[in-house]
Amino acid sequence: MKEVLKDIQDGTFTKNWVAEYEAGLPNYNKFKQADLEHPIEKVGKELRAKMLAAQWRALADPGAGSRRRPHAVRLSRRHHHAVLRRAGGFGAEAHPGAP
């Protein structure tokens, strides 16, 4: 860590980064691709897909399982209102501007 800090403080890091950028980021892209191809990324992608599918099922059927809305799902305002309306979450009189 001390070497990294020294490189930052004396400008070596900046010089190396500018040279890397001007060369088209060959090392950066190589490391990035290696990270993307790591086995944990494949597992992570599969797990995220399963969690998202479970969250959408919970939204579609609020009576099943937990009644809490999943935190990771972000809906547009219009879609959110439609889901709540179908689930009986609020009536049109409570939110007259809702689509």
N, C-alpha and C. Protein backbone atom coordinates (compact mmCIF):
# COMPACT_ATOMS: atom_id res chain seq x y z
N MET A 1 0.81 -1.19 0.00
CA MET A 1 0.00 0.00 0.00
C MET A 1 0.86 1.26 0.00
N LYS A 2 1.96 1.21 0.70
CA LYS A 2 2.84 2.38 0.74
C LYS A 2 3.40 2.68 -0.64
N GLU A 3 3.70 1.62 -1.42
CA GLU A 3 4.21 1.83 -2.77
C GLU A 3 3.16 2.47 -3.66
N VAL A 4 1.93 2.03 -3.51
CA VAL A 4 0.83 2.60 -4.30
C VAL A 4 0.66 4.07 -3.95
N LEU A 5 0.64 4.37 -2.67
CA LEU A 5 0.51 5.76 -2.24
C LEU A 5 1.66 6.61 -2.78
N LYS A 6 2.87 6.07 -2.74
CA LYS A 6 4.03 6.80 -3.26
C LYS A 6 3.86 7.08 -4.76
N ASP A 7 3.39 6.07 -5.51
CA ASP A 7 3.16 6.27 -6.95
C ASP A 7 2.11 7.34 -7.22
N ILE A 8 1.09 7.39 -6.39
CA ILE A 8 0.06 8.41 -6.54
C ILE A 8 0.64 9.79 -6.23
N GLN A 9 1.37 9.87 -5.14
CA GLN A 9 1.90 11.16 -4.70
C GLN A 9 2.97 11.72 -5.64
N ASP A 10 3.81 10.85 -6.22
CA ASP A 10 4.87 11.37 -7.08
C ASP A 10 4.47 11.46 -8.56
N GLY A 11 3.24 11.07 -8.88
CA GLY A 11 2.75 11.23 -10.25
C GLY A 11 2.98 10.03 -11.15
N THR A 12 3.63 8.99 -10.65
CA THR A 12 3.88 7.80 -11.46
C THR A 12 2.58 7.14 -11.89
N PHE A 13 1.64 7.05 -10.99
CA PHE A 13 0.35 6.43 -11.32
C PHE A 13 -0.32 7.18 -12.47
N THR A 14 -0.34 8.50 -12.39
CA THR A 14 -0.98 9.31 -13.43
C THR A 14 -0.29 9.11 -14.77
N LYS A 15 1.02 9.14 -14.79
CA LYS A 15 1.77 8.94 -16.03
C LYS A 15 1.46 7.58 -16.64
N ASN A 16 1.44 6.55 -15.80
CA ASN A 16 1.15 5.20 -16.30
C ASN A 16 -0.28 5.10 -16.81
N TRP A 17 -1.21 5.72 -16.11
CA TRP A 17 -2.61 5.65 -16.53
C TRP A 17 -2.82 6.39 -17.85
N VAL A 18 -2.21 7.55 -18.01
CA VAL A 18 -2.33 8.30 -19.27
C VAL A 18 -1.73 7.48 -20.42
N ALA A 19 -0.58 6.87 -20.18
CA ALA A 19 0.04 6.03 -21.22
C ALA A 19 -0.86 4.85 -21.57
N GLU A 20 -1.46 4.23 -20.57
CA GLU A 20 -2.40 3.11 -20.80
C GLU A 20 -3.59 3.58 -21.62
N TYR A 21 -4.14 4.72 -21.28
CA TYR A 21 -5.31 5.26 -21.98
C TYR A 21 -4.97 5.58 -23.44
N GLU A 22 -3.84 6.23 -23.64
CA GLU A 22 -3.43 6.61 -25.00
C GLU A 22 -3.12 5.39 -25.86
N ALA A 23 -2.75 4.27 -25.25
CA ALA A 23 -2.47 3.04 -25.99
C ALA A 23 -3.75 2.24 -26.27
N GLY A 24 -4.90 2.74 -25.81
CA GLY A 24 -6.16 2.04 -26.06
C GLY A 24 -6.58 1.10 -24.95
N LEU A 25 -6.03 1.27 -23.77
CA LEU A 25 -6.37 0.49 -22.57
C LEU A 25 -6.17 -1.03 -22.72
N PRO A 26 -5.05 -1.46 -23.29
CA PRO A 26 -4.88 -2.91 -23.50
C PRO A 26 -4.83 -3.72 -22.21
N ASN A 27 -4.08 -3.25 -21.22
CA ASN A 27 -3.99 -3.99 -19.95
C ASN A 27 -5.30 -3.93 -19.19
N TYR A 28 -5.90 -2.76 -19.16
CA TYR A 28 -7.18 -2.59 -18.47
C TYR A 28 -8.23 -3.54 -19.06
N ASN A 29 -8.34 -3.57 -20.38
CA ASN A 29 -9.32 -4.44 -21.02
C ASN A 29 -9.02 -5.93 -20.77
N LYS A 30 -7.73 -6.28 -20.74
CA LYS A 30 -7.35 -7.67 -20.47
C LYS A 30 -7.79 -8.07 -19.06
N PHE A 31 -7.52 -7.21 -18.09
CA PHE A 31 -7.91 -7.51 -16.70
C PHE A 31 -9.43 -7.52 -16.55
N LYS A 32 -10.09 -6.58 -17.19
CA LYS A 32 -11.55 -6.52 -17.11
C LYS A 32 -12.17 -7.79 -17.69
N GLN A 33 -11.67 -8.25 -18.83
CA GLN A 33 -12.20 -9.47 -19.46
C GLN A 33 -11.94 -10.68 -18.57
N ALA A 34 -10.77 -10.74 -17.96
CA ALA A 34 -10.46 -11.85 -17.05
C ALA A 34 -11.44 -11.86 -15.87
N ASP A 35 -11.78 -10.69 -15.36
CA ASP A 35 -12.76 -10.61 -14.26
C ASP A 35 -14.14 -11.08 -14.72
N LEU A 36 -14.54 -10.67 -15.91
CA LEU A 36 -15.86 -11.06 -16.42
C LEU A 36 -15.97 -12.55 -16.68
N GLU A 37 -14.84 -13.18 -17.00
CA GLU A 37 -14.84 -14.61 -17.29
C GLU A 37 -14.60 -15.47 -16.05
N HIS A 38 -14.41 -14.86 -14.92
CA HIS A 38 -14.16 -15.61 -13.69
C HIS A 38 -15.40 -16.43 -13.34
N PRO A 39 -15.23 -17.67 -12.86
CA PRO A 39 -16.38 -18.54 -12.55
C PRO A 39 -17.39 -17.91 -11.58
N ILE A 40 -16.92 -17.07 -10.66
CA ILE A 40 -17.85 -16.49 -9.70
C ILE A 40 -18.83 -15.54 -10.40
N GLU A 41 -18.42 -14.95 -11.51
CA GLU A 41 -19.32 -14.07 -12.26
C GLU A 41 -20.47 -14.86 -12.88
N LYS A 42 -20.18 -16.06 -13.37
CA LYS A 42 -21.23 -16.91 -13.94
C LYS A 42 -22.23 -17.30 -12.85
N VAL A 43 -21.73 -17.70 -11.70
CA VAL A 43 -22.60 -18.07 -10.59
C VAL A 43 -23.41 -16.85 -10.13
N GLY A 44 -22.76 -15.70 -10.04
CA GLY A 44 -23.45 -14.48 -9.63
C GLY A 44 -24.57 -14.11 -10.58
N LYS A 45 -24.33 -14.26 -11.87
CA LYS A 45 -25.35 -13.94 -12.87
C LYS A 45 -26.56 -14.87 -12.70
N GLU A 46 -26.29 -16.16 -12.50
CA GLU A 46 -27.38 -17.12 -12.31
C GLU A 46 -28.17 -16.81 -11.04
N LEU A 47 -27.48 -16.48 -9.95
CA LEU A 47 -28.16 -16.17 -8.69
C LEU A 47 -29.00 -14.90 -8.80
N ARG A 48 -28.45 -13.87 -9.44
CA ARG A 48 -29.21 -12.63 -9.61
C ARG A 48 -30.47 -12.87 -10.43
N ALA A 49 -30.39 -13.71 -11.47
CA ALA A 49 -31.56 -14.02 -12.28
C ALA A 49 -32.61 -14.74 -11.46
N LYS A 50 -32.19 -15.67 -10.61
CA LYS A 50 -33.14 -16.39 -9.76
C LYS A 50 -33.79 -15.47 -8.74
N MET A 51 -33.00 -14.57 -8.15
CA MET A 51 -33.56 -13.65 -7.16
C MET A 51 -34.56 -12.70 -7.82
N LEU A 52 -34.23 -12.21 -8.99
CA LEU A 52 -35.13 -11.30 -9.69
C LEU A 52 -36.43 -12.01 -10.05
N ALA A 53 -36.33 -13.24 -10.52
CA ALA A 53 -37.53 -14.01 -10.87
C ALA A 53 -38.40 -14.22 -9.63
N ALA A 54 -37.79 -14.52 -8.50
CA ALA A 54 -38.55 -14.71 -7.26
C ALA A 54 -39.22 -13.42 -6.83
N GLN A 55 -38.54 -12.30 -7.00
CA GLN A 55 -39.12 -11.02 -6.62
C GLN A 55 -40.30 -10.67 -7.50
N TRP A 56 -40.19 -10.94 -8.80
CA TRP A 56 -41.32 -10.65 -9.69
C TRP A 56 -42.51 -11.56 -9.37
N ARG A 57 -42.24 -12.82 -9.02
CA ARG A 57 -43.35 -13.71 -8.63
C ARG A 57 -44.03 -13.18 -7.37
N ALA A 58 -43.25 -12.67 -6.44
CA ALA A 58 -43.82 -12.12 -5.20
C ALA A 58 -44.67 -10.90 -5.50
N LEU A 59 -44.26 -10.09 -6.45
CA LEU A 59 -45.05 -8.91 -6.82
C LEU A 59 -46.33 -9.31 -7.52
N ALA A 60 -46.26 -10.34 -8.35
CA ALA A 60 -47.42 -10.77 -9.11
C ALA A 60 -48.47 -11.42 -8.20
N ASP A 61 -48.02 -12.07 -7.12
CA ASP A 61 -48.95 -12.74 -6.21
C ASP A 61 -48.61 -12.33 -4.78
N PRO A 62 -49.09 -11.16 -4.34
CA PRO A 62 -48.71 -10.67 -3.02
C PRO A 62 -49.25 -11.51 -1.88
N GLY A 63 -50.21 -12.39 -2.13
CA GLY A 63 -50.76 -13.23 -1.07
C GLY A 63 -49.86 -14.41 -0.74
N ALA A 64 -48.94 -14.73 -1.63
CA ALA A 64 -48.07 -15.89 -1.42
C ALA A 64 -46.82 -15.46 -0.67
N GLY A 65 -46.48 -16.17 0.37
CA GLY A 65 -45.25 -15.90 1.10
C GLY A 65 -45.28 -14.58 1.83
N SER A 66 -44.16 -13.92 1.84
CA SER A 66 -44.03 -12.66 2.56
C SER A 66 -44.83 -11.56 1.88
N ARG A 67 -45.36 -10.67 2.68
CA ARG A 67 -46.13 -9.54 2.14
C ARG A 67 -45.25 -8.32 1.88
N ARG A 68 -43.97 -8.43 2.24
CA ARG A 68 -43.06 -7.31 2.04
C ARG A 68 -42.66 -7.21 0.58
N ARG A 69 -42.56 -5.99 0.08
CA ARG A 69 -42.12 -5.76 -1.29
C ARG A 69 -40.61 -5.95 -1.36
N PRO A 70 -40.12 -6.72 -2.32
CA PRO A 70 -38.67 -6.90 -2.45
C PRO A 70 -37.98 -5.56 -2.69
N HIS A 71 -36.82 -5.38 -2.05
CA HIS A 71 -36.11 -4.11 -2.14
C HIS A 71 -35.39 -3.91 -3.46
N ALA A 72 -34.91 -4.99 -4.07
CA ALA A 72 -34.06 -4.84 -5.24
C ALA A 72 -34.84 -4.55 -6.52
N VAL A 73 -36.14 -4.74 -6.52
CA VAL A 73 -36.92 -4.50 -7.73
C VAL A 73 -37.29 -3.03 -7.80
N ARG A 74 -36.95 -2.41 -8.89
CA ARG A 74 -37.29 -1.01 -9.11
C ARG A 74 -38.27 -0.93 -10.27
N LEU A 75 -39.47 -0.48 -10.00
CA LEU A 75 -40.50 -0.39 -11.01
C LEU A 75 -40.70 1.06 -11.41
N SER A 76 -41.14 1.24 -12.64
CA SER A 76 -41.53 2.59 -13.03
C SER A 76 -42.75 2.96 -12.21
N ARG A 77 -43.02 4.24 -12.07
CA ARG A 77 -44.16 4.69 -11.27
C ARG A 77 -45.46 4.10 -11.83
N ARG A 78 -45.59 4.12 -13.14
CA ARG A 78 -46.80 3.60 -13.79
C ARG A 78 -46.98 2.10 -13.49
N HIS A 79 -45.91 1.32 -13.65
CA HIS A 79 -45.99 -0.12 -13.39
C HIS A 79 -46.25 -0.39 -11.91
N HIS A 80 -45.59 0.37 -11.05
CA HIS A 80 -45.77 0.20 -9.61
C HIS A 80 -47.24 0.41 -9.24
N HIS A 81 -47.86 1.45 -9.78
CA HIS A 81 -49.27 1.72 -9.48
C HIS A 81 -50.17 0.61 -10.01
N ALA A 82 -49.85 0.10 -11.20
CA ALA A 82 -50.66 -0.97 -11.77
C ALA A 82 -50.58 -2.23 -10.91
N VAL A 83 -49.38 -2.55 -10.45
CA VAL A 83 -49.22 -3.74 -9.59
C VAL A 83 -49.99 -3.55 -8.28
N LEU A 84 -49.87 -2.37 -7.68
CA LEU A 84 -50.58 -2.12 -6.42
C LEU A 84 -52.09 -2.17 -6.62
N ARG A 85 -52.56 -1.61 -7.72
CA ARG A 85 -54.00 -1.59 -7.98
C ARG A 85 -54.53 -3.03 -8.11
N ARG A 86 -53.78 -3.87 -8.85
CA ARG A 86 -54.20 -5.26 -9.01
C ARG A 86 -54.18 -6.01 -7.69
N ALA A 87 -53.24 -5.64 -6.83
CA ALA A 87 -53.10 -6.33 -5.54
C ALA A 87 -54.01 -5.73 -4.48
N GLY A 88 -54.75 -4.68 -4.83
CA GLY A 88 -55.63 -4.04 -3.86
C GLY A 88 -54.87 -3.14 -2.91
N GLY A 89 -53.70 -2.69 -3.32
CA GLY A 89 -52.85 -1.85 -2.46
C GLY A 89 -53.40 -0.46 -2.25
N PHE A 90 -54.12 0.08 -3.22
CA PHE A 90 -54.76 1.36 -3.04
C PHE A 90 -55.86 1.51 -4.09
N GLY A 91 -56.80 2.34 -3.79
CA GLY A 91 -57.89 2.58 -4.74
C GLY A 91 -57.64 3.84 -5.53
N ALA A 92 -58.41 4.01 -6.59
CA ALA A 92 -58.25 5.18 -7.44
C ALA A 92 -58.55 6.46 -6.67
N GLU A 93 -59.43 6.38 -5.67
CA GLU A 93 -59.77 7.58 -4.89
C GLU A 93 -58.58 8.03 -4.03
N ALA A 94 -57.71 7.11 -3.65
CA ALA A 94 -56.57 7.46 -2.84
C ALA A 94 -55.48 8.16 -3.66
N HIS A 95 -55.38 7.82 -4.93
CA HIS A 95 -54.36 8.40 -5.82
C HIS A 95 -55.02 8.73 -7.16
N PRO A 96 -55.71 9.84 -7.24
CA PRO A 96 -56.45 10.14 -8.46
C PRO A 96 -55.57 10.34 -9.69
N GLY A 97 -54.31 10.70 -9.52
CA GLY A 97 -53.44 10.92 -10.68
C GLY A 97 -52.74 9.66 -11.16
N ALA A 98 -52.95 8.54 -10.49
CA ALA A 98 -52.27 7.31 -10.86
C ALA A 98 -52.84 6.77 -12.18
N PRO A 99 -51.96 6.28 -13.05
CA PRO A 99 -52.43 5.73 -14.34
C PRO A 99 -53.21 4.44 -14.17
